[in-house]
Amino acid sequence: MSTILQVEEQRQGNIPVLLLRGRMDSTTSPEAEGQLNRLIGEGAQHIVIDFSDLEYISSAGLRVLLAAQKRMKQTGGTVLLAALRPEIRKVFDIAGFNRLFSISPSIEEALGTGQGR
């Protein structure tokens, strides 16, 4: 099992897409936090996060996402989540994050949400 987190940034038009690969926990989540803060600081209105390759997320990872969502809402933007594995989706459902975030089954659907707002 991987103990690292890789964060890869791609662009779909003007919307940044962050692909998370590995584990997002107290040790690794600062990497994602740094990327999110940079994108928010650059004025991104929508950020899509691709969870298809994320194996694990801890409460520290959830806090990073929540902080990013709060910062985005202040500027009228949103963090859009896509392609959550069933075990990751379960964590979001238990934590109530499914009510705080727009969660799409695919990147394409999340991008449609971001561009349609």
N, C-alpha and C. Protein backbone atom coordinates (compact mmCIF):
# COMPACT_ATOMS: atom_id res chain seq x y z
N MET A 1 0.84 -1.19 0.00
CA MET A 1 0.00 0.00 0.00
C MET A 1 0.88 1.25 0.00
N SER A 2 0.50 2.19 -0.80
CA SER A 2 1.25 3.44 -0.95
C SER A 2 1.12 4.31 0.29
N THR A 3 2.21 4.96 0.68
CA THR A 3 2.15 5.88 1.83
C THR A 3 2.46 7.30 1.38
N ILE A 4 2.30 7.55 0.10
CA ILE A 4 2.56 8.88 -0.43
C ILE A 4 1.31 9.40 -1.12
N LEU A 5 1.34 10.68 -1.40
CA LEU A 5 0.27 11.29 -2.17
C LEU A 5 0.91 12.00 -3.34
N GLN A 6 0.44 11.69 -4.52
CA GLN A 6 0.86 12.42 -5.72
C GLN A 6 -0.29 13.31 -6.13
N VAL A 7 0.03 14.56 -6.42
CA VAL A 7 -0.97 15.52 -6.87
C VAL A 7 -0.55 15.99 -8.24
N GLU A 8 -1.35 15.67 -9.23
CA GLU A 8 -1.05 16.04 -10.61
C GLU A 8 -2.10 17.04 -11.08
N GLU A 9 -1.62 18.14 -11.64
CA GLU A 9 -2.54 19.17 -12.12
C GLU A 9 -2.69 19.11 -13.63
N GLN A 10 -3.93 19.13 -14.06
CA GLN A 10 -4.24 19.22 -15.48
C GLN A 10 -5.20 20.37 -15.65
N ARG A 11 -5.46 20.74 -16.88
CA ARG A 11 -6.43 21.80 -17.17
C ARG A 11 -7.44 21.31 -18.18
N GLN A 12 -8.68 21.62 -17.94
CA GLN A 12 -9.74 21.40 -18.91
C GLN A 12 -10.29 22.79 -19.22
N GLY A 13 -9.82 23.37 -20.29
CA GLY A 13 -10.15 24.77 -20.56
C GLY A 13 -9.49 25.63 -19.49
N ASN A 14 -10.28 26.43 -18.80
CA ASN A 14 -9.70 27.27 -17.73
C ASN A 14 -9.93 26.67 -16.35
N ILE A 15 -10.43 25.43 -16.29
CA ILE A 15 -10.71 24.80 -15.01
C ILE A 15 -9.57 23.84 -14.63
N PRO A 16 -8.91 24.10 -13.49
CA PRO A 16 -7.87 23.17 -13.04
C PRO A 16 -8.50 21.88 -12.52
N VAL A 17 -7.86 20.77 -12.86
CA VAL A 17 -8.26 19.46 -12.37
C VAL A 17 -7.08 18.88 -11.62
N LEU A 18 -7.27 18.56 -10.34
CA LEU A 18 -6.22 17.94 -9.54
C LEU A 18 -6.51 16.45 -9.42
N LEU A 19 -5.57 15.64 -9.88
CA LEU A 19 -5.67 14.20 -9.74
C LEU A 19 -4.90 13.80 -8.48
N LEU A 20 -5.60 13.18 -7.54
CA LEU A 20 -4.98 12.72 -6.30
C LEU A 20 -4.73 11.22 -6.43
N ARG A 21 -3.50 10.81 -6.13
CA ARG A 21 -3.12 9.41 -6.25
C ARG A 21 -2.40 8.99 -4.97
N GLY A 22 -2.89 7.91 -4.35
CA GLY A 22 -2.24 7.40 -3.14
C GLY A 22 -3.09 7.62 -1.90
N ARG A 23 -2.45 8.15 -0.85
CA ARG A 23 -3.10 8.34 0.45
C ARG A 23 -3.04 9.80 0.88
N MET A 24 -4.17 10.31 1.33
CA MET A 24 -4.23 11.70 1.80
C MET A 24 -4.47 11.66 3.31
N ASP A 25 -3.36 11.83 4.06
CA ASP A 25 -3.45 11.78 5.52
C ASP A 25 -2.68 12.95 6.11
N SER A 26 -2.45 12.91 7.42
CA SER A 26 -1.80 14.06 8.07
C SER A 26 -0.39 14.32 7.55
N THR A 27 0.27 13.28 7.08
CA THR A 27 1.63 13.44 6.55
C THR A 27 1.62 13.98 5.12
N THR A 28 0.66 13.53 4.33
CA THR A 28 0.68 13.84 2.90
C THR A 28 -0.25 14.98 2.48
N SER A 29 -1.26 15.30 3.29
CA SER A 29 -2.25 16.29 2.85
C SER A 29 -1.69 17.70 2.65
N PRO A 30 -0.58 18.11 3.29
CA PRO A 30 -0.04 19.44 2.98
C PRO A 30 0.30 19.64 1.49
N GLU A 31 0.65 18.58 0.80
CA GLU A 31 0.93 18.66 -0.64
C GLU A 31 -0.31 19.13 -1.40
N ALA A 32 -1.44 18.48 -1.12
CA ALA A 32 -2.70 18.87 -1.77
C ALA A 32 -3.13 20.26 -1.31
N GLU A 33 -2.94 20.55 -0.03
CA GLU A 33 -3.31 21.86 0.50
C GLU A 33 -2.54 22.98 -0.20
N GLY A 34 -1.27 22.77 -0.43
CA GLY A 34 -0.45 23.76 -1.12
C GLY A 34 -0.95 24.01 -2.54
N GLN A 35 -1.27 22.95 -3.25
CA GLN A 35 -1.78 23.09 -4.62
C GLN A 35 -3.11 23.82 -4.64
N LEU A 36 -4.02 23.44 -3.73
CA LEU A 36 -5.33 24.08 -3.66
C LEU A 36 -5.20 25.56 -3.32
N ASN A 37 -4.38 25.87 -2.33
CA ASN A 37 -4.19 27.27 -1.94
C ASN A 37 -3.61 28.10 -3.08
N ARG A 38 -2.69 27.51 -3.83
CA ARG A 38 -2.10 28.22 -4.97
C ARG A 38 -3.16 28.52 -6.02
N LEU A 39 -3.96 27.51 -6.36
CA LEU A 39 -5.01 27.70 -7.38
C LEU A 39 -6.04 28.73 -6.93
N ILE A 40 -6.43 28.68 -5.66
CA ILE A 40 -7.39 29.65 -5.14
C ILE A 40 -6.77 31.05 -5.18
N GLY A 41 -5.50 31.13 -4.79
CA GLY A 41 -4.79 32.41 -4.82
C GLY A 41 -4.67 32.97 -6.23
N GLU A 42 -4.60 32.09 -7.22
CA GLU A 42 -4.52 32.52 -8.63
C GLU A 42 -5.89 32.92 -9.17
N GLY A 43 -6.94 32.74 -8.38
CA GLY A 43 -8.27 33.18 -8.79
C GLY A 43 -9.12 32.14 -9.48
N ALA A 44 -8.79 30.87 -9.33
CA ALA A 44 -9.63 29.82 -9.93
C ALA A 44 -11.05 29.92 -9.39
N GLN A 45 -12.03 29.86 -10.27
CA GLN A 45 -13.43 29.91 -9.84
C GLN A 45 -13.98 28.52 -9.52
N HIS A 46 -13.47 27.53 -10.21
CA HIS A 46 -13.87 26.14 -9.98
C HIS A 46 -12.61 25.30 -9.99
N ILE A 47 -12.54 24.36 -9.07
CA ILE A 47 -11.44 23.39 -9.04
C ILE A 47 -12.09 22.02 -8.97
N VAL A 48 -11.73 21.15 -9.91
CA VAL A 48 -12.22 19.78 -9.90
C VAL A 48 -11.13 18.90 -9.30
N ILE A 49 -11.52 18.04 -8.36
CA ILE A 49 -10.57 17.10 -7.77
C ILE A 49 -10.98 15.70 -8.17
N ASP A 50 -10.07 15.00 -8.83
CA ASP A 50 -10.29 13.64 -9.32
C ASP A 50 -9.82 12.66 -8.25
N PHE A 51 -10.75 11.91 -7.68
CA PHE A 51 -10.44 10.96 -6.61
C PHE A 51 -10.29 9.53 -7.11
N SER A 52 -10.29 9.31 -8.42
CA SER A 52 -10.32 7.94 -8.95
C SER A 52 -9.12 7.10 -8.52
N ASP A 53 -7.99 7.72 -8.23
CA ASP A 53 -6.79 6.98 -7.81
C ASP A 53 -6.43 7.20 -6.34
N LEU A 54 -7.35 7.81 -5.57
CA LEU A 54 -7.09 8.01 -4.14
C LEU A 54 -7.52 6.75 -3.39
N GLU A 55 -6.58 6.19 -2.62
CA GLU A 55 -6.83 4.94 -1.91
C GLU A 55 -7.39 5.17 -0.51
N TYR A 56 -7.05 6.31 0.09
CA TYR A 56 -7.40 6.54 1.50
C TYR A 56 -7.43 8.03 1.77
N ILE A 57 -8.36 8.45 2.63
CA ILE A 57 -8.39 9.84 3.09
C ILE A 57 -8.68 9.84 4.59
N SER A 58 -7.90 10.61 5.34
CA SER A 58 -8.10 10.71 6.79
C SER A 58 -8.81 12.02 7.11
N SER A 59 -9.05 12.24 8.39
CA SER A 59 -9.68 13.49 8.82
C SER A 59 -8.83 14.70 8.44
N ALA A 60 -7.51 14.52 8.41
CA ALA A 60 -6.63 15.63 8.00
C ALA A 60 -6.88 15.98 6.53
N GLY A 61 -7.07 14.98 5.70
CA GLY A 61 -7.38 15.22 4.29
C GLY A 61 -8.73 15.89 4.13
N LEU A 62 -9.70 15.46 4.91
CA LEU A 62 -11.03 16.08 4.86
C LEU A 62 -10.95 17.55 5.27
N ARG A 63 -10.14 17.86 6.28
CA ARG A 63 -9.99 19.25 6.73
C ARG A 63 -9.41 20.13 5.63
N VAL A 64 -8.45 19.62 4.87
CA VAL A 64 -7.86 20.37 3.75
C VAL A 64 -8.95 20.71 2.73
N LEU A 65 -9.79 19.73 2.40
CA LEU A 65 -10.86 19.96 1.43
C LEU A 65 -11.88 20.96 1.96
N LEU A 66 -12.22 20.85 3.23
CA LEU A 66 -13.19 21.76 3.82
C LEU A 66 -12.66 23.19 3.83
N ALA A 67 -11.39 23.36 4.18
CA ALA A 67 -10.79 24.71 4.18
C ALA A 67 -10.78 25.30 2.78
N ALA A 68 -10.46 24.47 1.79
CA ALA A 68 -10.45 24.95 0.40
C ALA A 68 -11.86 25.34 -0.04
N GLN A 69 -12.85 24.54 0.33
CA GLN A 69 -14.23 24.85 -0.03
C GLN A 69 -14.67 26.17 0.60
N LYS A 70 -14.31 26.39 1.86
CA LYS A 70 -14.68 27.65 2.54
C LYS A 70 -14.04 28.85 1.85
N ARG A 71 -12.77 28.72 1.49
CA ARG A 71 -12.08 29.82 0.79
C ARG A 71 -12.71 30.08 -0.57
N MET A 72 -13.06 29.02 -1.28
CA MET A 72 -13.68 29.17 -2.61
C MET A 72 -15.04 29.85 -2.50
N LYS A 73 -15.83 29.48 -1.49
CA LYS A 73 -17.16 30.09 -1.33
C LYS A 73 -17.06 31.59 -1.09
N GLN A 74 -15.99 32.02 -0.43
CA GLN A 74 -15.81 33.46 -0.18
C GLN A 74 -15.64 34.24 -1.47
N THR A 75 -15.15 33.58 -2.50
CA THR A 75 -14.94 34.24 -3.79
C THR A 75 -16.00 33.86 -4.81
N GLY A 76 -17.03 33.13 -4.36
CA GLY A 76 -18.09 32.71 -5.27
C GLY A 76 -17.75 31.49 -6.09
N GLY A 77 -16.67 30.83 -5.75
CA GLY A 77 -16.25 29.64 -6.50
C GLY A 77 -16.66 28.37 -5.80
N THR A 78 -16.22 27.26 -6.34
CA THR A 78 -16.58 25.97 -5.75
C THR A 78 -15.52 24.91 -6.02
N VAL A 79 -15.43 23.97 -5.09
CA VAL A 79 -14.58 22.80 -5.26
C VAL A 79 -15.51 21.66 -5.65
N LEU A 80 -15.22 21.04 -6.78
CA LEU A 80 -16.06 19.96 -7.31
C LEU A 80 -15.29 18.65 -7.20
N LEU A 81 -15.91 17.64 -6.63
CA LEU A 81 -15.27 16.35 -6.43
C LEU A 81 -15.80 15.35 -7.43
N ALA A 82 -14.91 14.49 -7.93
CA ALA A 82 -15.32 13.54 -8.96
C ALA A 82 -14.69 12.17 -8.75
N ALA A 83 -15.41 11.15 -9.17
CA ALA A 83 -14.91 9.78 -9.28
C ALA A 83 -14.41 9.22 -7.94
N LEU A 84 -15.21 9.41 -6.89
CA LEU A 84 -14.84 8.86 -5.59
C LEU A 84 -15.01 7.35 -5.61
N ARG A 85 -14.00 6.65 -5.13
CA ARG A 85 -14.11 5.20 -4.97
C ARG A 85 -15.15 4.94 -3.88
N PRO A 86 -15.78 3.76 -3.88
CA PRO A 86 -16.82 3.48 -2.87
C PRO A 86 -16.35 3.66 -1.43
N GLU A 87 -15.12 3.25 -1.12
CA GLU A 87 -14.63 3.38 0.26
C GLU A 87 -14.39 4.84 0.63
N ILE A 88 -13.99 5.66 -0.33
CA ILE A 88 -13.80 7.10 -0.09
C ILE A 88 -15.17 7.77 0.03
N ARG A 89 -16.11 7.39 -0.82
CA ARG A 89 -17.46 7.95 -0.78
C ARG A 89 -18.10 7.67 0.58
N LYS A 90 -17.85 6.49 1.11
CA LYS A 90 -18.41 6.12 2.41
C LYS A 90 -17.90 7.07 3.50
N VAL A 91 -16.62 7.40 3.46
CA VAL A 91 -16.04 8.35 4.43
C VAL A 91 -16.74 9.71 4.30
N PHE A 92 -16.94 10.16 3.08
CA PHE A 92 -17.62 11.45 2.85
C PHE A 92 -19.05 11.41 3.37
N ASP A 93 -19.74 10.30 3.13
CA ASP A 93 -21.13 10.17 3.59
C ASP A 93 -21.20 10.18 5.11
N ILE A 94 -20.32 9.41 5.77
CA ILE A 94 -20.31 9.34 7.23
C ILE A 94 -20.00 10.70 7.85
N ALA A 95 -19.05 11.42 7.24
CA ALA A 95 -18.64 12.73 7.76
C ALA A 95 -19.64 13.84 7.40
N GLY A 96 -20.60 13.54 6.56
CA GLY A 96 -21.57 14.56 6.14
C GLY A 96 -21.04 15.47 5.04
N PHE A 97 -19.89 15.14 4.49
CA PHE A 97 -19.29 15.97 3.44
C PHE A 97 -20.04 15.87 2.12
N ASN A 98 -20.86 14.81 1.98
CA ASN A 98 -21.67 14.67 0.76
C ASN A 98 -22.68 15.81 0.66
N ARG A 99 -22.97 16.49 1.77
CA ARG A 99 -23.89 17.63 1.75
C ARG A 99 -23.14 18.96 1.57
N LEU A 100 -21.83 18.94 1.72
CA LEU A 100 -21.03 20.17 1.63
C LEU A 100 -20.38 20.36 0.26
N PHE A 101 -20.26 19.28 -0.49
CA PHE A 101 -19.56 19.32 -1.77
C PHE A 101 -20.45 18.83 -2.89
N SER A 102 -20.19 19.33 -4.09
CA SER A 102 -20.78 18.77 -5.29
C SER A 102 -19.92 17.57 -5.68
N ILE A 103 -20.53 16.38 -5.67
CA ILE A 103 -19.81 15.15 -5.97
C ILE A 103 -20.39 14.54 -7.24
N SER A 104 -19.55 14.36 -8.24
CA SER A 104 -19.98 13.81 -9.53
C SER A 104 -19.33 12.44 -9.74
N PRO A 105 -20.01 11.56 -10.47
CA PRO A 105 -19.44 10.24 -10.73
C PRO A 105 -18.24 10.25 -11.67
N SER A 106 -18.10 11.33 -12.46
CA SER A 106 -16.99 11.38 -13.43
C SER A 106 -16.45 12.81 -13.54
N ILE A 107 -15.23 12.91 -14.07
CA ILE A 107 -14.61 14.21 -14.31
C ILE A 107 -15.46 15.02 -15.29
N GLU A 108 -15.94 14.35 -16.33
CA GLU A 108 -16.71 15.04 -17.36
C GLU A 108 -17.96 15.69 -16.76
N GLU A 109 -18.63 14.96 -15.87
CA GLU A 109 -19.83 15.53 -15.24
C GLU A 109 -19.47 16.67 -14.30
N ALA A 110 -18.37 16.53 -13.58
CA ALA A 110 -17.94 17.61 -12.69
C ALA A 110 -17.60 18.86 -13.49
N LEU A 111 -16.94 18.68 -14.62
CA LEU A 111 -16.59 19.82 -15.48
C LEU A 111 -17.85 20.49 -16.01
N GLY A 112 -18.84 19.70 -16.34
CA GLY A 112 -20.11 20.26 -16.79
C GLY A 112 -20.77 21.09 -15.71
N THR A 113 -20.66 20.64 -14.46
CA THR A 113 -21.20 21.37 -13.31
C THR A 113 -20.48 22.70 -13.16
N GLY A 114 -19.16 22.66 -13.26
CA GLY A 114 -18.36 23.86 -13.08
C GLY A 114 -18.60 24.90 -14.16
N GLN A 115 -18.78 24.45 -15.39
CA GLN A 115 -18.96 25.38 -16.49
C GLN A 115 -20.38 25.88 -16.57
N GLY A 116 -21.32 25.13 -15.98
CA GLY A 116 -22.71 25.52 -16.07
C GLY A 116 -23.14 26.50 -15.01
N ARG A 117 -22.26 26.81 -14.06
CA ARG A 117 -22.65 27.71 -12.97
C ARG A 117 -22.36 29.13 -13.29
